[in-house]
C-alpha atoms as a PDB file:
ATOM      1  CA  MET A   1     -10.466 -10.240  26.245  1.00  0.00           C
ATOM      2  CA  VAL A   2     -10.435 -11.108  22.538  1.00  0.00           C
ATOM      3  CA  ILE A   3      -7.761  -9.732  20.217  1.00  0.00           C
ATOM      4  CA  THR A   4      -8.298 -10.077  16.475  1.00  0.00           C
ATOM      5  CA  GLN A   5      -5.717  -9.194  13.842  1.00  0.00           C
ATOM      6  CA  THR A   6      -5.561 -10.063  10.147  1.00  0.00           C
ATOM      7  CA  VAL A   7      -2.053 -10.963   8.976  1.00  0.00           C
ATOM      8  CA  ASP A   8      -0.449 -11.991   5.676  1.00  0.00           C
ATOM      9  CA  ILE A   9       1.288 -15.345   5.988  1.00  0.00           C
ATOM     10  CA  GLN A  10       4.578 -15.272   4.097  1.00  0.00           C
ATOM     11  CA  ALA A  11       6.226 -18.201   2.300  1.00  0.00           C
ATOM     12  CA  ASP A  12       8.187 -19.197   5.410  1.00  0.00           C
ATOM     13  CA  ARG A  13       4.847 -19.488   7.279  1.00  0.00           C
ATOM     14  CA  ARG A  14       6.113 -17.608  10.323  1.00  0.00           C
ATOM     15  CA  ILE A  15       4.241 -14.908  12.181  1.00  0.00           C
ATOM     16  CA  PHE A  16       5.314 -12.813  15.136  1.00  0.00           C
ATOM     17  CA  LEU A  17       2.865 -11.401  17.635  1.00  0.00           C
ATOM     18  CA  ASP A  18       3.311  -8.138  19.514  1.00  0.00           C
ATOM     19  CA  LEU A  19       0.826  -8.301  22.349  1.00  0.00           C
ATOM     20  CA  PRO A  20      -0.539  -5.257  24.144  1.00  0.00           C
ATOM     21  CA  PRO A  21       0.825  -4.598  27.648  1.00  0.00           C
ATOM     22  CA  GLU A  22      -2.652  -4.778  29.201  1.00  0.00           C
ATOM     23  CA  LEU A  23      -2.892  -8.456  28.263  1.00  0.00           C
ATOM     24  CA  PRO A  24      -2.539 -10.512  31.444  1.00  0.00           C
ATOM     25  CA  VAL A  25       0.511 -12.743  31.776  1.00  0.00           C
ATOM     26  CA  GLY A  26      -0.150 -16.484  31.843  1.00  0.00           C
ATOM     27  CA  LYS A  27      -1.610 -19.180  29.648  1.00  0.00           C
ATOM     28  CA  ALA A  28      -3.670 -18.200  26.627  1.00  0.00           C
ATOM     29  CA  ILE A  29      -5.275 -19.878  23.650  1.00  0.00           C
ATOM     30  CA  VAL A  30      -4.056 -18.694  20.255  1.00  0.00           C
ATOM     31  CA  ALA A  31      -6.213 -19.726  17.290  1.00  0.00           C
ATOM     32  CA  VAL A  32      -5.250 -19.464  13.628  1.00  0.00           C
ATOM     33  CA  ILE A  33      -8.315 -19.512  11.406  1.00  0.00           C
ATOM     34  CA  PRO A  34      -7.561 -19.454   7.662  1.00  0.00           C
ATOM     35  CA  GLN A  35      -9.680 -17.240   5.476  1.00  0.00           C
ATOM     36  CA  ILE A  36     -11.449 -19.579   3.074  1.00  0.00           C
ATOM     37  CA  GLU A  37     -12.219 -18.281  -0.386  1.00  0.00           C
ATOM     38  CA  LYS A  38     -15.865 -18.175  -1.368  1.00  0.00           C
ATOM     39  CA  PRO A  39     -16.823 -20.981  -3.773  1.00  0.00           C
ATOM     40  CA  ILE A  40     -17.457 -19.922  -7.353  1.00  0.00           C
ATOM     41  CA  ASP A  41     -21.160 -19.828  -8.194  1.00  0.00           C
ATOM     42  CA  ASN A  42     -20.517 -19.316 -11.881  1.00  0.00           C
ATOM     43  CA  THR A  43     -19.686 -22.636 -13.609  1.00  0.00           C
ATOM     44  CA  TYR A  44     -18.151 -20.873 -16.608  1.00  0.00           C
ATOM     45  CA  GLU A  45     -15.796 -18.880 -14.377  1.00  0.00           C
ATOM     46  CA  ALA A  46     -14.738 -22.095 -12.600  1.00  0.00           C
ATOM     47  CA  THR A  47     -14.057 -23.772 -15.952  1.00  0.00           C
ATOM     48  CA  VAL A  48     -11.946 -20.854 -17.169  1.00  0.00           C
ATOM     49  CA  LYS A  49      -9.890 -20.896 -13.952  1.00  0.00           C
ATOM     50  CA  LEU A  50      -9.369 -24.649 -14.224  1.00  0.00           C
ATOM     51  CA  ARG A  51      -8.343 -24.316 -17.879  1.00  0.00           C
ATOM     52  CA  GLY A  52      -5.814 -21.642 -16.919  1.00  0.00           C
ATOM     53  CA  LEU A  53      -4.426 -23.875 -14.183  1.00  0.00           C
ATOM     54  CA  THR A  54      -3.979 -26.821 -16.543  1.00  0.00           C
ATOM     55  CA  LYS A  55      -2.260 -24.589 -19.117  1.00  0.00           C
ATOM     56  CA  LYS A  56       0.193 -23.416 -16.439  1.00  0.00           C
ATOM     57  CA  MET A  57       0.922 -27.066 -15.684  1.00  0.00           C
ATOM     58  CA  GLY A  58       1.738 -27.645 -19.374  1.00  0.00           C
ATOM     59  CA  SER A  59      -1.347 -29.583 -20.493  1.00  0.00           C
ATOM     60  CA  THR A  60      -1.976 -29.645 -24.247  1.00  0.00           C
ATOM     61  CA  LEU A  61      -5.170 -31.715 -24.058  1.00  0.00           C
ATOM     62  CA  ARG A  62      -8.027 -30.260 -26.119  1.00  0.00           C
ATOM     63  CA  TRP A  63     -11.757 -30.922 -25.666  1.00  0.00           C
ATOM     64  CA  ASN A  64     -12.173 -32.741 -29.001  1.00  0.00           C
ATOM     65  CA  VAL A  65      -9.392 -35.200 -28.062  1.00  0.00           C
ATOM     66  CA  PHE A  66     -10.830 -35.595 -24.555  1.00  0.00           C
ATOM     67  CA  LEU A  67     -14.289 -36.545 -25.865  1.00  0.00           C
ATOM     68  CA  LYS A  68     -12.993 -39.372 -28.126  1.00  0.00           C
END
């Protein structure tokens, strides 16, 4: 028997499982498989996201200064 359920992991990283009564009692394997985001194919989109991330971190570096 395989049971699959998608859950949102909260900040405290705790989940609680309510198992169906027809599940046999005894040892079981529980696997947590994180959903991995698809890589960005668009280089421009990746650059814009990275720029936004650096701005949030407080970076004031500009491209003309970086290239010197």
